Amino acid sequence: MAATLSDTPLIDPIPVKDRVMRHSTVLSLCLIALCAAGCGPGTPKGRLPVYKVTGVVTYKGKPLPDADITFFNAEHNRSAFGRTNSEGQYELTTYAPRDGALEGSHKVTVTKIPPVPPTPTPAPVDSPNYVPPTGNQSTDPPRPKSEVPEKYSKADESGLTATVVKDGDNKIDLPLE
């Protein structure tokens, strides 16, 4: 009778211990290569360098909490953003949190919009408080109004400018009146 493949015992010419070692070595080399690929220069290709910018925003002499600050660099068409804390202090972000802004001249805007109140839930139809909608009512909440003069929200009208320098202190306070 002829032998078939199922009758022949499988013999692996490489012992199990050697196979495990070979797989471990390959896996280790792959992990090292993957980790090394993540290492490189501090500024990724195509990004312009940024410099730390901090400051305090005041309105009528008092710190302005929860205000949004934008520095716009027209030369590179790039903005940096920040939000003030409860003491009116801010730090700017361009690429990563609190990394700063591009070097050069910037137009600056400051806005502070109060939180939008929740939309009230309409009363059920069978409720004595139910008021049927009319064609004149808007379902949109009113647009929130800035808590600082509107001019500060427009880069060309705010009158606020700042210069970010490569070597030096970029503490830029913004007093609003």
C-alpha atoms as a PDB file:
ATOM      1  CA  MET A   1       0.000   0.000   0.000  1.00  0.00           C
ATOM      2  CA  ALA A   2       1.265   3.445  -0.861  1.00  0.00           C
ATOM      3  CA  ALA A   3       1.961   5.980   1.848  1.00  0.00           C
ATOM      4  CA  THR A   4      -0.124   9.161   1.818  1.00  0.00           C
ATOM      5  CA  LEU A   5       0.677  12.563   3.235  1.00  0.00           C
ATOM      6  CA  SER A   6      -1.626  11.999   6.180  1.00  0.00           C
ATOM      7  CA  ASP A   7       0.311   8.849   7.100  1.00  0.00           C
ATOM      8  CA  THR A   8       3.650  10.634   7.154  1.00  0.00           C
ATOM      9  CA  PRO A   9       4.475  12.382  10.427  1.00  0.00           C
ATOM     10  CA  LEU A  10       5.315  16.075   9.993  1.00  0.00           C
ATOM     11  CA  ILE A  11       8.883  16.739  10.927  1.00  0.00           C
ATOM     12  CA  ASP A  12       9.913  20.361  11.313  1.00  0.00           C
ATOM     13  CA  PRO A  13      13.604  20.737  10.596  1.00  0.00           C
ATOM     14  CA  ILE A  14      13.810  23.828  12.896  1.00  0.00           C
ATOM     15  CA  PRO A  15      13.399  23.061  16.603  1.00  0.00           C
ATOM     16  CA  VAL A  16      10.701  24.996  18.493  1.00  0.00           C
ATOM     17  CA  LYS A  17      13.246  26.842  20.652  1.00  0.00           C
ATOM     18  CA  ASP A  18      15.031  28.185  17.549  1.00  0.00           C
ATOM     19  CA  ARG A  19      11.737  29.299  15.947  1.00  0.00           C
ATOM     20  CA  VAL A  20      10.734  31.206  19.084  1.00  0.00           C
ATOM     21  CA  MET A  21      14.130  32.915  19.208  1.00  0.00           C
ATOM     22  CA  ARG A  22      13.929  33.839  15.516  1.00  0.00           C
ATOM     23  CA  HIS A  23      10.410  35.315  15.916  1.00  0.00           C
ATOM     24  CA  SER A  24      11.473  37.209  19.054  1.00  0.00           C
ATOM     25  CA  THR A  25      14.461  38.695  17.243  1.00  0.00           C
ATOM     26  CA  VAL A  26      12.348  39.803  14.264  1.00  0.00           C
ATOM     27  CA  LEU A  27       9.700  41.290  16.569  1.00  0.00           C
ATOM     28  CA  SER A  28      12.339  43.166  18.586  1.00  0.00           C
ATOM     29  CA  LEU A  29      13.913  44.626  15.443  1.00  0.00           C
ATOM     30  CA  CYS A  30      10.492  45.758  14.200  1.00  0.00           C
ATOM     31  CA  LEU A  31       9.756  47.496  17.523  1.00  0.00           C
ATOM     32  CA  ILE A  32      13.142  49.254  17.516  1.00  0.00           C
ATOM     33  CA  ALA A  33      12.592  50.443  13.931  1.00  0.00           C
ATOM     34  CA  LEU A  34       9.101  51.694  14.805  1.00  0.00           C
ATOM     35  CA  CYS A  35      10.350  53.630  17.831  1.00  0.00           C
ATOM     36  CA  ALA A  36      13.268  55.133  15.892  1.00  0.00           C
ATOM     37  CA  ALA A  37      10.896  56.321  13.161  1.00  0.00           C
ATOM     38  CA  GLY A  38       9.150  58.536  15.729  1.00  0.00           C
ATOM     39  CA  CYS A  39      12.373  60.329  16.643  1.00  0.00           C
ATOM     40  CA  GLY A  40      13.460  63.360  14.707  1.00  0.00           C
ATOM     41  CA  PRO A  41      13.949  67.098  14.788  1.00  0.00           C
ATOM     42  CA  GLY A  42      11.736  69.229  17.055  1.00  0.00           C
ATOM     43  CA  THR A  43       9.902  71.078  14.271  1.00  0.00           C
ATOM     44  CA  PRO A  44       8.159  68.826  11.735  1.00  0.00           C
ATOM     45  CA  LYS A  45       8.827  69.523   8.062  1.00  0.00           C
ATOM     46  CA  GLY A  46       6.727  72.352   6.688  1.00  0.00           C
ATOM     47  CA  ARG A  47       6.024  73.962  10.064  1.00  0.00           C
ATOM     48  CA  LEU A  48       7.357  77.388  10.845  1.00  0.00           C
ATOM     49  CA  PRO A  49       8.914  77.811  14.308  1.00  0.00           C
ATOM     50  CA  VAL A  50       6.752  79.295  17.047  1.00  0.00           C
ATOM     51  CA  TYR A  51       7.690  81.124  20.247  1.00  0.00           C
ATOM     52  CA  LYS A  52       5.933  81.083  23.614  1.00  0.00           C
ATOM     53  CA  VAL A  53       3.483  83.973  24.080  1.00  0.00           C
ATOM     54  CA  THR A  54       1.706  84.794  27.343  1.00  0.00           C
ATOM     55  CA  GLY A  55      -0.084  87.798  28.756  1.00  0.00           C
ATOM     56  CA  VAL A  56      -3.038  89.193  30.653  1.00  0.00           C
ATOM     57  CA  VAL A  57      -6.219  90.636  29.143  1.00  0.00           C
ATOM     58  CA  THR A  58      -7.980  93.341  31.141  1.00  0.00           C
ATOM     59  CA  TYR A  59     -11.224  95.168  30.413  1.00  0.00           C
ATOM     60  CA  LYS A  60     -11.794  98.505  32.160  1.00  0.00           C
ATOM     61  CA  GLY A  61      -8.838  97.711  34.414  1.00  0.00           C
ATOM     62  CA  LYS A  62     -10.079  94.285  35.579  1.00  0.00           C
ATOM     63  CA  PRO A  63      -8.928  90.814  34.428  1.00  0.00           C
ATOM     64  CA  LEU A  64     -11.162  89.423  31.670  1.00  0.00           C
ATOM     65  CA  PRO A  65     -11.884  85.700  32.252  1.00  0.00           C
ATOM     66  CA  ASP A  66     -13.020  83.259  29.537  1.00  0.00           C
ATOM     67  CA  ALA A  67     -12.117  85.543  26.616  1.00  0.00           C
ATOM     68  CA  ASP A  68     -10.840  84.208  23.283  1.00  0.00           C
ATOM     69  CA  ILE A  69      -7.646  85.763  21.916  1.00  0.00           C
ATOM     70  CA  THR A  70      -6.439  85.452  18.305  1.00  0.00           C
ATOM     71  CA  PHE A  71      -3.086  86.604  16.932  1.00  0.00           C
ATOM     72  CA  PHE A  72      -3.144  86.731  13.117  1.00  0.00           C
ATOM     73  CA  ASN A  73       0.157  86.800  11.203  1.00  0.00           C
ATOM     74  CA  ALA A  74      -0.696  88.152   7.731  1.00  0.00           C
ATOM     75  CA  GLU A  75       2.763  87.396   6.300  1.00  0.00           C
ATOM     76  CA  HIS A  76       2.290  83.642   6.772  1.00  0.00           C
ATOM     77  CA  ASN A  77      -1.540  83.589   6.867  1.00  0.00           C
ATOM     78  CA  ARG A  78      -1.427  81.727  10.183  1.00  0.00           C
ATOM     79  CA  SER A  79      -3.254  82.335  13.481  1.00  0.00           C
ATOM     80  CA  ALA A  80      -2.519  81.494  17.089  1.00  0.00           C
ATOM     81  CA  PHE A  81      -5.314  81.140  19.640  1.00  0.00           C
ATOM     82  CA  GLY A  82      -5.737  81.312  23.387  1.00  0.00           C
ATOM     83  CA  ARG A  83      -8.365  81.576  26.103  1.00  0.00           C
ATOM     84  CA  THR A  84      -8.022  83.510  29.322  1.00  0.00           C
ATOM     85  CA  ASN A  85      -8.313  81.877  32.728  1.00  0.00           C
ATOM     86  CA  SER A  86     -10.109  83.368  35.756  1.00  0.00           C
ATOM     87  CA  GLU A  87      -7.254  85.898  36.241  1.00  0.00           C
ATOM     88  CA  GLY A  88      -7.321  87.006  32.578  1.00  0.00           C
ATOM     89  CA  GLN A  89      -4.051  85.171  31.790  1.00  0.00           C
ATOM     90  CA  TYR A  90      -3.565  83.446  28.431  1.00  0.00           C
ATOM     91  CA  GLU A  91      -1.049  81.321  26.504  1.00  0.00           C
ATOM     92  CA  LEU A  92      -1.185  81.001  22.727  1.00  0.00           C
ATOM     93  CA  THR A  93      -1.460  77.828  20.631  1.00  0.00           C
ATOM     94  CA  THR A  94      -0.541  77.425  16.959  1.00  0.00           C
ATOM     95  CA  TYR A  95       0.243  73.730  16.326  1.00  0.00           C
ATOM     96  CA  ALA A  96       0.157  72.122  19.780  1.00  0.00           C
ATOM     97  CA  PRO A  97      -1.269  73.302  23.119  1.00  0.00           C
ATOM     98  CA  ARG A  98       0.524  76.389  24.486  1.00  0.00           C
ATOM     99  CA  ASP A  99       3.369  76.221  21.918  1.00  0.00           C
ATOM    100  CA  GLY A 100       3.156  79.929  21.040  1.00  0.00           C
ATOM    101  CA  ALA A 101       2.894  82.037  17.883  1.00  0.00           C
ATOM    102  CA  LEU A 102       4.941  82.733  14.776  1.00  0.00           C
ATOM    103  CA  GLU A 103       7.649  85.374  14.912  1.00  0.00           C
ATOM    104  CA  GLY A 104       6.650  88.752  13.511  1.00  0.00           C
ATOM    105  CA  SER A 105       3.819  91.249  13.479  1.00  0.00           C
ATOM    106  CA  HIS A 106       0.276  90.172  14.378  1.00  0.00           C
ATOM    107  CA  LYS A 107      -3.174  91.725  14.351  1.00  0.00           C
ATOM    108  CA  VAL A 108      -4.984  90.802  17.563  1.00  0.00           C
ATOM    109  CA  THR A 109      -8.646  90.182  18.359  1.00  0.00           C
ATOM    110  CA  VAL A 110     -10.379  89.590  21.689  1.00  0.00           C
ATOM    111  CA  THR A 111     -13.931  88.292  22.075  1.00  0.00           C
ATOM    112  CA  LYS A 112     -15.952  87.198  25.049  1.00  0.00           C
ATOM    113  CA  ILE A 113     -19.263  85.568  24.253  1.00  0.00           C
ATOM    114  CA  PRO A 114     -21.383  84.447  27.212  1.00  0.00           C
ATOM    115  CA  PRO A 115     -22.531  80.831  27.223  1.00  0.00           C
ATOM    116  CA  VAL A 116     -25.771  80.232  25.338  1.00  0.00           C
ATOM    117  CA  PRO A 117     -28.613  79.477  27.757  1.00  0.00           C
ATOM    118  CA  PRO A 118     -30.355  76.163  27.185  1.00  0.00           C
ATOM    119  CA  THR A 119     -33.449  76.265  24.998  1.00  0.00           C
ATOM    120  CA  PRO A 120     -36.530  75.784  27.171  1.00  0.00           C
ATOM    121  CA  THR A 121     -38.511  72.618  26.585  1.00  0.00           C
ATOM    122  CA  PRO A 122     -41.969  73.452  25.222  1.00  0.00           C
ATOM    123  CA  ALA A 123     -44.935  72.505  27.361  1.00  0.00           C
ATOM    124  CA  PRO A 124     -46.883  69.402  26.290  1.00  0.00           C
ATOM    125  CA  VAL A 125     -49.953  70.051  24.110  1.00  0.00           C
ATOM    126  CA  ASP A 126     -52.353  68.969  26.871  1.00  0.00           C
ATOM    127  CA  SER A 127     -50.705  71.295  29.437  1.00  0.00           C
ATOM    128  CA  PRO A 128     -52.460  74.499  30.556  1.00  0.00           C
ATOM    129  CA  ASN A 129     -49.125  76.283  29.867  1.00  0.00           C
ATOM    130  CA  TYR A 130     -49.050  75.210  26.217  1.00  0.00           C
ATOM    131  CA  VAL A 131     -48.671  78.076  23.749  1.00  0.00           C
ATOM    132  CA  PRO A 132     -49.167  77.102  20.100  1.00  0.00           C
ATOM    133  CA  PRO A 133     -46.391  78.298  17.779  1.00  0.00           C
ATOM    134  CA  THR A 134     -47.127  81.163  15.433  1.00  0.00           C
ATOM    135  CA  GLY A 135     -45.542  81.856  12.067  1.00  0.00           C
ATOM    136  CA  ASN A 136     -43.643  84.851  13.496  1.00  0.00           C
ATOM    137  CA  GLN A 137     -41.723  83.015  16.225  1.00  0.00           C
ATOM    138  CA  SER A 138     -38.136  81.987  15.613  1.00  0.00           C
ATOM    139  CA  THR A 139     -36.951  78.678  16.996  1.00  0.00           C
ATOM    140  CA  ASP A 140     -33.356  79.923  16.966  1.00  0.00           C
ATOM    141  CA  PRO A 141     -32.046  81.397  20.209  1.00  0.00           C
ATOM    142  CA  PRO A 142     -30.946  85.029  20.001  1.00  0.00           C
ATOM    143  CA  ARG A 143     -27.351  85.517  18.873  1.00  0.00           C
ATOM    144  CA  PRO A 144     -25.161  86.086  21.946  1.00  0.00           C
ATOM    145  CA  LYS A 145     -23.589  89.528  22.197  1.00  0.00           C
ATOM    146  CA  SER A 146     -19.912  90.011  23.038  1.00  0.00           C
ATOM    147  CA  GLU A 147     -19.218  91.252  26.559  1.00  0.00           C
ATOM    148  CA  VAL A 148     -16.474  93.550  25.206  1.00  0.00           C
ATOM    149  CA  PRO A 149     -16.940  96.203  22.502  1.00  0.00           C
ATOM    150  CA  GLU A 150     -17.519  94.647  19.065  1.00  0.00           C
ATOM    151  CA  LYS A 151     -14.506  96.451  17.564  1.00  0.00           C
ATOM    152  CA  TYR A 152     -12.132  94.126  19.466  1.00  0.00           C
ATOM    153  CA  SER A 153     -13.507  91.120  17.552  1.00  0.00           C
ATOM    154  CA  LYS A 154     -12.426  92.534  14.160  1.00  0.00           C
ATOM    155  CA  ALA A 155      -8.729  92.357  13.281  1.00  0.00           C
ATOM    156  CA  ASP A 156      -8.814  95.483  11.104  1.00  0.00           C
ATOM    157  CA  GLU A 157     -10.761  97.548  13.658  1.00  0.00           C
ATOM    158  CA  SER A 158      -9.473  96.391  17.049  1.00  0.00           C
ATOM    159  CA  GLY A 159      -6.401  98.621  17.057  1.00  0.00           C
ATOM    160  CA  LEU A 160      -4.597  95.771  18.821  1.00  0.00           C
ATOM    161  CA  THR A 161      -1.260  94.628  17.408  1.00  0.00           C
ATOM    162  CA  ALA A 162       1.616  92.588  18.795  1.00  0.00           C
ATOM    163  CA  THR A 163       5.121  91.646  17.739  1.00  0.00           C
ATOM    164  CA  VAL A 164       6.439  88.180  18.612  1.00  0.00           C
ATOM    165  CA  VAL A 165      10.233  87.941  18.814  1.00  0.00           C
ATOM    166  CA  LYS A 166      12.517  84.931  18.479  1.00  0.00           C
ATOM    167  CA  ASP A 167      14.832  85.845  21.353  1.00  0.00           C
ATOM    168  CA  GLY A 168      13.138  87.619  24.194  1.00  0.00           C
ATOM    169  CA  ASP A 169      10.145  87.800  26.464  1.00  0.00           C
ATOM    170  CA  ASN A 170       6.839  87.578  24.612  1.00  0.00           C
ATOM    171  CA  LYS A 171       4.648  88.661  27.534  1.00  0.00           C
ATOM    172  CA  ILE A 172       1.995  90.684  25.732  1.00  0.00           C
ATOM    173  CA  ASP A 173      -0.675  92.250  27.936  1.00  0.00           C
ATOM    174  CA  LEU A 174      -3.874  93.454  26.266  1.00  0.00           C
ATOM    175  CA  PRO A 175      -5.656  96.300  28.119  1.00  0.00           C
ATOM    176  CA  LEU A 176      -9.137  96.918  26.661  1.00  0.00           C
ATOM    177  CA  GLU A 177     -11.238 100.022  27.342  1.00  0.00           C
END
